[in-house]
Each structure stands twice: as structure tokens, then as C-alpha cells.
């Protein structure tokens, strides 16, 4: 059985755990730098991991343009290199991989309304957009819990986050799902250069979800009563 750790200054007792999988529902609004029927380049506040798949929504809710995209590359933007005293921004390239006929037509109409130059029938050329066009990217980031309590968790994750960020969190507790809202309380690079240590506090956990978590902790870590 995993060990436990406790500090009297903490509100909740913390338990060391092994192999509890979890996920964060990640959603971010990005600025579209250029766009084509095959993909787009976007500006973000954090780097996007190469190979990661995202649900992509372009335009407002009425437009209804939704695609699947995969990150091909991500790097620090040129503007960040020129102004190192400001928060970093990143440029990332995504390729669309589920463009069907009706979706392509909707994207083509969006491009015609927003681009600065004529299409000239070069549908797969990268086109600069006029004004400020934005998209929303959504995905799940997986992590493995190392410490768990009724009030939060510590975990190892491969994607960089920022203190104060809030996410929908889901854990798999021996086949029973637990979900709540969580806030990043601590975040730093781990010894493994490809991973990060995450500390997260739970927010506004519903009573039935708290019972799921409390029941799991009781079953795992409370000694059975002697006969």
C-alpha cells in the first residue's frame, strides 16, 4: 500500500499514491496568424506540444466551424526574442486532418471574409488574416497523481501550466470517476526535463463527488477495525 504523509499545518491529510491516472480539460483562445484549408499558425501564451491533437473552433458560436488539428511545431515567437523583458509568446503550427467537403466550404467562406488578399485559387497557400481572428483550442492533458488529499493533489505532467490556471479535473479511482474544478497552486520543472511537478487545489467540489473521493481514501488508507 502506498505510504502517507501528514503535516499539522495542512487542512487535509495527504496520502502518497501510485498510478492514479488523471486528466485536465484544457481550453485556450489563440490568435490566428495565418490560415489555409490544410492548417493554421497561431500565437499562444504557452508552447503547444508537438503531436498533440486539439479540437479547433474558429470564429463565433454562430459560425460553427469545428475541426480536428494536430500540432506540427511550436517555438518562441520572434517578438518575444526581440523583447525578452515581456512575457513570452509562442507561435505554433497545426495541421487539420478531418476537413470534409462541408467543413472545407465553411472554412473557405470564413477565409474570404477575413483575408487581406484575394484567394487567387491557391487554396492551400497560407493566407494572412485581416484584423484579429481568433480560434479556441480544446484537449485533455494526462497526468499521474503522486499525492492525494480531500483538498487537492500533486502530480507529474508533461505540459507547462501557470499558477492560478483553473481546469476541470478528472481522476480514475479504481474505475470510479471523480471530477471537480481545480486551480494550479504550484508548478515547477521536475528532475526529468520532459516533465513538471504540479500542485493543484480542488475548488467547489460537489458533495457527491467529495463522497467518491473520501470513500476512496478511507478504503485505501484507513486500517480496518479489529474484531
C-alpha atoms as a PDB file:
ATOM      1  CA  UNK A   1       0.000   0.000   0.000  1.00  0.00           C
ATOM      2  CA  UNK A   2       1.317   3.471  -0.747  1.00  0.00           C
ATOM      3  CA  UNK A   3       2.681   5.436   2.199  1.00  0.00           C
ATOM      4  CA  UNK A   4       1.175   8.527   3.731  1.00  0.00           C
ATOM      5  CA  UNK A   5       2.443  11.972   4.651  1.00  0.00           C
ATOM      6  CA  UNK A   6       0.934  14.487   7.054  1.00  0.00           C
ATOM      7  CA  UNK A   7       1.683  17.977   8.291  1.00  0.00           C
ATOM      8  CA  UNK A   8      -0.350  19.551  11.142  1.00  0.00           C
ATOM      9  CA  UNK A   9      -0.312  22.853   9.249  1.00  0.00           C
ATOM     10  CA  UNK A  10      -2.240  21.349   6.352  1.00  0.00           C
ATOM     11  CA  UNK A  11      -6.034  21.365   6.351  1.00  0.00           C
ATOM     12  CA  UNK A  12      -6.252  17.883   4.791  1.00  0.00           C
ATOM     13  CA  UNK A  13      -4.163  14.792   5.356  1.00  0.00           C
ATOM     14  CA  UNK A  14      -2.131  13.896   2.277  1.00  0.00           C
ATOM     15  CA  UNK A  15      -1.563  10.354   1.016  1.00  0.00           C
ATOM     16  CA  UNK A  16       1.153   9.150  -1.324  1.00  0.00           C
ATOM     17  CA  UNK A  17      -0.364   7.149  -4.154  1.00  0.00           C
ATOM     18  CA  UNK A  18       0.816   5.215  -7.195  1.00  0.00           C
ATOM     19  CA  UNK A  19      -0.575   5.035 -10.718  1.00  0.00           C
ATOM     20  CA  UNK A  20      -3.762   7.085 -10.348  1.00  0.00           C
ATOM     21  CA  UNK A  21      -4.427   8.479 -13.849  1.00  0.00           C
ATOM     22  CA  UNK A  22      -5.982  11.898 -14.245  1.00  0.00           C
ATOM     23  CA  UNK A  23      -6.732  14.482 -16.901  1.00  0.00           C
ATOM     24  CA  UNK A  24      -7.189  18.242 -17.189  1.00  0.00           C
ATOM     25  CA  UNK A  25      -9.726  19.711 -19.598  1.00  0.00           C
ATOM     26  CA  UNK A  26      -7.565  22.311 -21.368  1.00  0.00           C
ATOM     27  CA  UNK A  27      -9.141  25.174 -23.329  1.00  0.00           C
ATOM     28  CA  UNK A  28      -7.424  28.297 -24.613  1.00  0.00           C
ATOM     29  CA  UNK A  29      -8.224  31.136 -27.009  1.00  0.00           C
ATOM     30  CA  UNK A  30      -5.486  31.820 -29.567  1.00  0.00           C
ATOM     31  CA  UNK A  31      -4.825  34.417 -32.242  1.00  0.00           C
ATOM     32  CA  UNK A  32      -4.712  33.077 -35.803  1.00  0.00           C
ATOM     33  CA  UNK A  33      -1.581  34.277 -37.611  1.00  0.00           C
ATOM     34  CA  UNK A  34      -2.286  32.623 -40.955  1.00  0.00           C
ATOM     35  CA  UNK A  35      -4.727  30.090 -42.297  1.00  0.00           C
ATOM     36  CA  UNK A  36      -5.293  27.666 -45.137  1.00  0.00           C
ATOM     37  CA  UNK A  37      -7.581  24.729 -45.858  1.00  0.00           C
ATOM     38  CA  UNK A  38      -4.846  22.408 -44.603  1.00  0.00           C
ATOM     39  CA  UNK A  39      -3.959  24.114 -41.324  1.00  0.00           C
ATOM     40  CA  UNK A  40      -3.060  27.301 -39.498  1.00  0.00           C
ATOM     41  CA  UNK A  41      -0.408  29.061 -37.429  1.00  0.00           C
ATOM     42  CA  UNK A  42      -1.456  30.516 -34.072  1.00  0.00           C
ATOM     43  CA  UNK A  43       0.028  32.660 -31.313  1.00  0.00           C
ATOM     44  CA  UNK A  44      -0.275  31.298 -27.759  1.00  0.00           C
ATOM     45  CA  UNK A  45       0.903  32.180 -24.258  1.00  0.00           C
ATOM     46  CA  UNK A  46       2.309  28.666 -23.665  1.00  0.00           C
ATOM     47  CA  UNK A  47       4.046  26.251 -26.057  1.00  0.00           C
ATOM     48  CA  UNK A  48       1.856  23.536 -27.550  1.00  0.00           C
ATOM     49  CA  UNK A  49       3.311  20.001 -27.510  1.00  0.00           C
ATOM     50  CA  UNK A  50       4.195  18.620 -30.944  1.00  0.00           C
ATOM     51  CA  UNK A  51       1.968  15.706 -31.902  1.00  0.00           C
ATOM     52  CA  UNK A  52      -0.857  16.747 -29.560  1.00  0.00           C
ATOM     53  CA  UNK A  53      -4.353  16.704 -31.062  1.00  0.00           C
ATOM     54  CA  UNK A  54      -6.795  19.555 -30.410  1.00  0.00           C
ATOM     55  CA  UNK A  55     -10.423  20.263 -31.148  1.00  0.00           C
ATOM     56  CA  UNK A  56     -10.329  23.562 -33.074  1.00  0.00           C
ATOM     57  CA  UNK A  57     -13.207  26.038 -33.173  1.00  0.00           C
ATOM     58  CA  UNK A  58     -12.858  29.044 -35.469  1.00  0.00           C
ATOM     59  CA  UNK A  59     -14.998  32.153 -35.334  1.00  0.00           C
ATOM     60  CA  UNK A  60     -18.023  32.780 -33.112  1.00  0.00           C
ATOM     61  CA  UNK A  61     -20.572  30.214 -31.977  1.00  0.00           C
ATOM     62  CA  UNK A  62     -22.945  31.068 -34.838  1.00  0.00           C
ATOM     63  CA  UNK A  63     -20.286  30.253 -37.431  1.00  0.00           C
ATOM     64  CA  UNK A  64     -19.876  26.711 -36.122  1.00  0.00           C
ATOM     65  CA  UNK A  65     -16.507  25.861 -37.721  1.00  0.00           C
ATOM     66  CA  UNK A  66     -15.088  22.855 -35.864  1.00  0.00           C
ATOM     67  CA  UNK A  67     -12.101  20.731 -36.881  1.00  0.00           C
ATOM     68  CA  UNK A  68      -9.523  18.343 -35.517  1.00  0.00           C
ATOM     69  CA  UNK A  69      -5.930  19.562 -35.649  1.00  0.00           C
ATOM     70  CA  UNK A  70      -2.542  18.216 -34.658  1.00  0.00           C
ATOM     71  CA  UNK A  71       0.430  20.359 -33.576  1.00  0.00           C
ATOM     72  CA  UNK A  72       3.296  20.082 -36.064  1.00  0.00           C
ATOM     73  CA  UNK A  73       5.699  22.547 -34.413  1.00  0.00           C
ATOM     74  CA  UNK A  74       5.877  25.149 -31.642  1.00  0.00           C
ATOM     75  CA  UNK A  75       8.570  27.722 -30.834  1.00  0.00           C
ATOM     76  CA  UNK A  76       9.115  31.076 -29.126  1.00  0.00           C
ATOM     77  CA  UNK A  77       7.790  33.880 -31.316  1.00  0.00           C
ATOM     78  CA  UNK A  78      10.114  36.405 -32.911  1.00  0.00           C
ATOM     79  CA  UNK A  79       8.517  39.243 -30.921  1.00  0.00           C
ATOM     80  CA  UNK A  80       9.452  37.502 -27.656  1.00  0.00           C
ATOM     81  CA  UNK A  81      13.046  37.130 -28.783  1.00  0.00           C
ATOM     82  CA  UNK A  82      13.182  40.865 -29.508  1.00  0.00           C
ATOM     83  CA  UNK A  83      11.543  41.861 -26.184  1.00  0.00           C
ATOM     84  CA  UNK A  84      12.869  39.412 -23.537  1.00  0.00           C
ATOM     85  CA  UNK A  85      11.602  41.619 -20.689  1.00  0.00           C
ATOM     86  CA  UNK A  86       7.952  40.893 -21.615  1.00  0.00           C
ATOM     87  CA  UNK A  87       6.044  37.603 -21.045  1.00  0.00           C
ATOM     88  CA  UNK A  88       6.901  35.051 -23.724  1.00  0.00           C
ATOM     89  CA  UNK A  89       4.540  34.234 -26.556  1.00  0.00           C
ATOM     90  CA  UNK A  90       4.764  31.227 -28.847  1.00  0.00           C
ATOM     91  CA  UNK A  91       3.985  30.507 -32.493  1.00  0.00           C
ATOM     92  CA  UNK A  92       2.596  27.056 -33.243  1.00  0.00           C
ATOM     93  CA  UNK A  93       1.569  25.319 -36.452  1.00  0.00           C
ATOM     94  CA  UNK A  94      -1.426  22.967 -36.608  1.00  0.00           C
ATOM     95  CA  UNK A  95      -2.459  20.700 -39.472  1.00  0.00           C
ATOM     96  CA  UNK A  96      -6.138  19.874 -39.976  1.00  0.00           C
ATOM     97  CA  UNK A  97      -6.807  16.182 -40.522  1.00  0.00           C
ATOM     98  CA  UNK A  98     -10.590  15.871 -40.786  1.00  0.00           C
ATOM     99  CA  UNK A  99     -11.507  18.500 -43.369  1.00  0.00           C
ATOM    100  CA  UNK A 100     -14.643  17.201 -45.085  1.00  0.00           C
ATOM    101  CA  UNK A 101     -16.404  18.872 -48.016  1.00  0.00           C
ATOM    102  CA  UNK A 102     -18.948  20.832 -45.950  1.00  0.00           C
ATOM    103  CA  UNK A 103     -16.348  21.916 -43.397  1.00  0.00           C
ATOM    104  CA  UNK A 104     -13.955  22.993 -46.134  1.00  0.00           C
ATOM    105  CA  UNK A 105     -16.681  25.124 -47.667  1.00  0.00           C
ATOM    106  CA  UNK A 106     -17.379  26.825 -44.330  1.00  0.00           C
ATOM    107  CA  UNK A 107     -13.670  27.483 -43.782  1.00  0.00           C
ATOM    108  CA  UNK A 108     -13.345  28.849 -47.307  1.00  0.00           C
ATOM    109  CA  UNK A 109     -16.158  31.314 -46.647  1.00  0.00           C
ATOM    110  CA  UNK A 110     -14.523  32.410 -43.394  1.00  0.00           C
ATOM    111  CA  UNK A 111     -11.226  32.984 -45.210  1.00  0.00           C
ATOM    112  CA  UNK A 112     -12.896  35.014 -47.924  1.00  0.00           C
ATOM    113  CA  UNK A 113     -14.420  37.301 -45.291  1.00  0.00           C
ATOM    114  CA  UNK A 114     -11.213  37.784 -43.310  1.00  0.00           C
ATOM    115  CA  UNK A 115      -8.161  37.598 -45.577  1.00  0.00           C
ATOM    116  CA  UNK A 116      -6.348  40.681 -46.821  1.00  0.00           C
ATOM    117  CA  UNK A 117      -5.587  39.369 -50.316  1.00  0.00           C
ATOM    118  CA  UNK A 118      -7.583  37.527 -52.953  1.00  0.00           C
ATOM    119  CA  UNK A 119      -7.565  33.752 -52.822  1.00  0.00           C
ATOM    120  CA  UNK A 120      -6.490  33.501 -56.455  1.00  0.00           C
ATOM    121  CA  UNK A 121      -7.471  29.805 -56.335  1.00  0.00           C
ATOM    122  CA  UNK A 122      -4.393  28.914 -54.260  1.00  0.00           C
ATOM    123  CA  UNK A 123      -6.487  27.203 -51.617  1.00  0.00           C
ATOM    124  CA  UNK A 124      -3.608  25.551 -49.793  1.00  0.00           C
ATOM    125  CA  UNK A 125      -1.413  28.626 -49.575  1.00  0.00           C
ATOM    126  CA  UNK A 126      -1.001  30.249 -46.161  1.00  0.00           C
ATOM    127  CA  UNK A 127      -3.001  33.465 -46.066  1.00  0.00           C
ATOM    128  CA  UNK A 128      -2.632  36.360 -43.635  1.00  0.00           C
ATOM    129  CA  UNK A 129      -5.872  37.384 -41.953  1.00  0.00           C
ATOM    130  CA  UNK A 130      -7.062  40.956 -41.654  1.00  0.00           C
ATOM    131  CA  UNK A 131      -7.919  42.267 -38.193  1.00  0.00           C
ATOM    132  CA  UNK A 132      -7.800  39.937 -35.202  1.00  0.00           C
ATOM    133  CA  UNK A 133      -9.137  36.463 -35.975  1.00  0.00           C
ATOM    134  CA  UNK A 134      -9.236  34.041 -33.087  1.00  0.00           C
ATOM    135  CA  UNK A 135      -9.798  30.338 -32.509  1.00  0.00           C
ATOM    136  CA  UNK A 136     -10.399  28.150 -29.498  1.00  0.00           C
ATOM    137  CA  UNK A 137      -8.306  25.021 -28.863  1.00  0.00           C
ATOM    138  CA  UNK A 138      -9.542  22.234 -26.600  1.00  0.00           C
ATOM    139  CA  UNK A 139      -7.935  18.980 -25.463  1.00  0.00           C
ATOM    140  CA  UNK A 140      -7.207  16.837 -22.407  1.00  0.00           C
ATOM    141  CA  UNK A 141      -3.794  16.711 -20.755  1.00  0.00           C
ATOM    142  CA  UNK A 142      -2.984  13.466 -18.954  1.00  0.00           C
ATOM    143  CA  UNK A 143      -1.077  13.247 -15.695  1.00  0.00           C
ATOM    144  CA  UNK A 144      -0.251  10.751 -12.928  1.00  0.00           C
ATOM    145  CA  UNK A 145      -1.104  11.575  -9.327  1.00  0.00           C
ATOM    146  CA  UNK A 146       1.692  11.201  -6.759  1.00  0.00           C
ATOM    147  CA  UNK A 147      -0.035  12.658  -3.667  1.00  0.00           C
ATOM    148  CA  UNK A 148      -3.764  12.937  -2.999  1.00  0.00           C
ATOM    149  CA  UNK A 149      -5.948  14.515  -0.317  1.00  0.00           C
ATOM    150  CA  UNK A 150      -9.542  15.643   0.076  1.00  0.00           C
ATOM    151  CA  UNK A 151      -8.410  19.166  -0.823  1.00  0.00           C
ATOM    152  CA  UNK A 152      -6.064  18.655  -3.758  1.00  0.00           C
ATOM    153  CA  UNK A 153      -3.281  16.665  -5.380  1.00  0.00           C
ATOM    154  CA  UNK A 154       0.312  16.630  -6.529  1.00  0.00           C
ATOM    155  CA  UNK A 155       1.054  15.114  -9.920  1.00  0.00           C
ATOM    156  CA  UNK A 156       3.597  14.729 -12.710  1.00  0.00           C
ATOM    157  CA  UNK A 157       2.549  16.224 -16.056  1.00  0.00           C
ATOM    158  CA  UNK A 158       4.300  16.793 -19.378  1.00  0.00           C
ATOM    159  CA  UNK A 159       2.653  20.097 -20.351  1.00  0.00           C
ATOM    160  CA  UNK A 160       3.636  23.503 -18.892  1.00  0.00           C
ATOM    161  CA  UNK A 161       0.946  25.322 -16.905  1.00  0.00           C
ATOM    162  CA  UNK A 162       0.804  28.556 -14.923  1.00  0.00           C
ATOM    163  CA  UNK A 163      -0.011  29.144 -11.260  1.00  0.00           C
ATOM    164  CA  UNK A 164      -3.604  30.291 -10.903  1.00  0.00           C
ATOM    165  CA  UNK A 165      -4.873  28.472 -14.012  1.00  0.00           C
ATOM    166  CA  UNK A 166      -8.174  26.650 -13.435  1.00  0.00           C
ATOM    167  CA  UNK A 167      -9.205  23.385 -15.096  1.00  0.00           C
ATOM    168  CA  UNK A 168     -11.859  20.708 -14.936  1.00  0.00           C
ATOM    169  CA  UNK A 169     -10.078  17.741 -13.328  1.00  0.00           C
ATOM    170  CA  UNK A 170     -10.994  14.069 -13.615  1.00  0.00           C
ATOM    171  CA  UNK A 171      -9.391  11.139 -11.761  1.00  0.00           C
ATOM    172  CA  UNK A 172      -9.888   7.411 -12.206  1.00  0.00           C
ATOM    173  CA  UNK A 173     -10.202   5.995  -8.682  1.00  0.00           C
ATOM    174  CA  UNK A 174     -10.168   2.230  -9.210  1.00  0.00           C
ATOM    175  CA  UNK A 175     -12.650   2.508 -12.053  1.00  0.00           C
ATOM    176  CA  UNK A 176     -14.822   5.176 -10.406  1.00  0.00           C
ATOM    177  CA  UNK A 177     -14.558   8.659 -11.957  1.00  0.00           C
ATOM    178  CA  UNK A 178     -14.039  11.672  -9.707  1.00  0.00           C
ATOM    179  CA  UNK A 179     -14.374  15.157 -11.163  1.00  0.00           C
ATOM    180  CA  UNK A 180     -14.074  18.675  -9.814  1.00  0.00           C
ATOM    181  CA  UNK A 181     -12.689  22.120 -10.618  1.00  0.00           C
ATOM    182  CA  UNK A 182      -9.026  22.605  -9.735  1.00  0.00           C
ATOM    183  CA  UNK A 183      -6.618  25.528  -9.509  1.00  0.00           C
ATOM    184  CA  UNK A 184      -2.858  25.300 -10.099  1.00  0.00           C
ATOM    185  CA  UNK A 185      -1.286  26.219  -6.748  1.00  0.00           C
ATOM    186  CA  UNK A 186       2.321  25.267  -7.538  1.00  0.00           C
ATOM    187  CA  UNK A 187       4.175  24.373 -10.714  1.00  0.00           C
ATOM    188  CA  UNK A 188       7.870  23.759 -11.438  1.00  0.00           C
ATOM    189  CA  UNK A 189      10.146  21.782 -13.702  1.00  0.00           C
ATOM    190  CA  UNK A 190      10.843  18.253 -12.472  1.00  0.00           C
ATOM    191  CA  UNK A 191      14.196  16.472 -12.478  1.00  0.00           C
ATOM    192  CA  UNK A 192      13.054  14.878 -15.720  1.00  0.00           C
ATOM    193  CA  UNK A 193      13.424  17.679 -18.307  1.00  0.00           C
ATOM    194  CA  UNK A 194      10.332  16.451 -20.166  1.00  0.00           C
ATOM    195  CA  UNK A 195       8.024  16.668 -17.130  1.00  0.00           C
ATOM    196  CA  UNK A 196       6.743  19.089 -14.497  1.00  0.00           C
ATOM    197  CA  UNK A 197       5.604  18.799 -10.885  1.00  0.00           C
ATOM    198  CA  UNK A 198       2.056  20.067 -10.419  1.00  0.00           C
ATOM    199  CA  UNK A 199       0.333  21.060  -7.180  1.00  0.00           C
ATOM    200  CA  UNK A 200      -3.405  21.621  -7.509  1.00  0.00           C
ATOM    201  CA  UNK A 201      -6.133  22.574  -5.052  1.00  0.00           C
ATOM    202  CA  UNK A 202      -9.722  21.448  -5.543  1.00  0.00           C
ATOM    203  CA  UNK A 203     -12.434  24.114  -5.812  1.00  0.00           C
ATOM    204  CA  UNK A 204     -16.188  23.853  -5.240  1.00  0.00           C
ATOM    205  CA  UNK A 205     -16.283  20.056  -5.217  1.00  0.00           C
ATOM    206  CA  UNK A 206     -19.863  18.788  -5.347  1.00  0.00           C
ATOM    207  CA  UNK A 207     -20.940  16.774  -2.259  1.00  0.00           C
ATOM    208  CA  UNK A 208     -21.465  13.550  -4.213  1.00  0.00           C
ATOM    209  CA  UNK A 209     -18.036  13.893  -5.794  1.00  0.00           C
ATOM    210  CA  UNK A 210     -16.450  14.579  -2.398  1.00  0.00           C
ATOM    211  CA  UNK A 211     -18.016  11.360  -1.131  1.00  0.00           C
ATOM    212  CA  UNK A 212     -16.428   9.475  -4.049  1.00  0.00           C
ATOM    213  CA  UNK A 213     -13.003  10.860  -3.119  1.00  0.00           C
ATOM    214  CA  UNK A 214     -13.431  10.442   0.656  1.00  0.00           C
ATOM    215  CA  UNK A 215     -14.655   6.883   0.199  1.00  0.00           C
ATOM    216  CA  UNK A 216     -11.620   6.025  -1.903  1.00  0.00           C
ATOM    217  CA  UNK A 217      -9.219   7.464   0.673  1.00  0.00           C
ATOM    218  CA  UNK A 218     -10.969   5.590   3.507  1.00  0.00           C
ATOM    219  CA  UNK A 219     -10.809   2.285   1.662  1.00  0.00           C
ATOM    220  CA  UNK A 220      -7.172   2.704   0.734  1.00  0.00           C
ATOM    221  CA  UNK A 221      -5.615   4.173   3.843  1.00  0.00           C
ATOM    222  CA  UNK A 222      -7.757   3.613   6.942  1.00  0.00           C
ATOM    223  CA  UNK A 223      -6.922   0.438   8.864  1.00  0.00           C
ATOM    224  CA  UNK A 224      -9.853  -1.963   9.292  1.00  0.00           C
ATOM    225  CA  UNK A 225     -11.316  -2.169  12.778  1.00  0.00           C
ATOM    226  CA  UNK A 226     -10.187  -5.119  14.895  1.00  0.00           C
ATOM    227  CA  UNK A 227     -12.803  -7.724  15.772  1.00  0.00           C
END
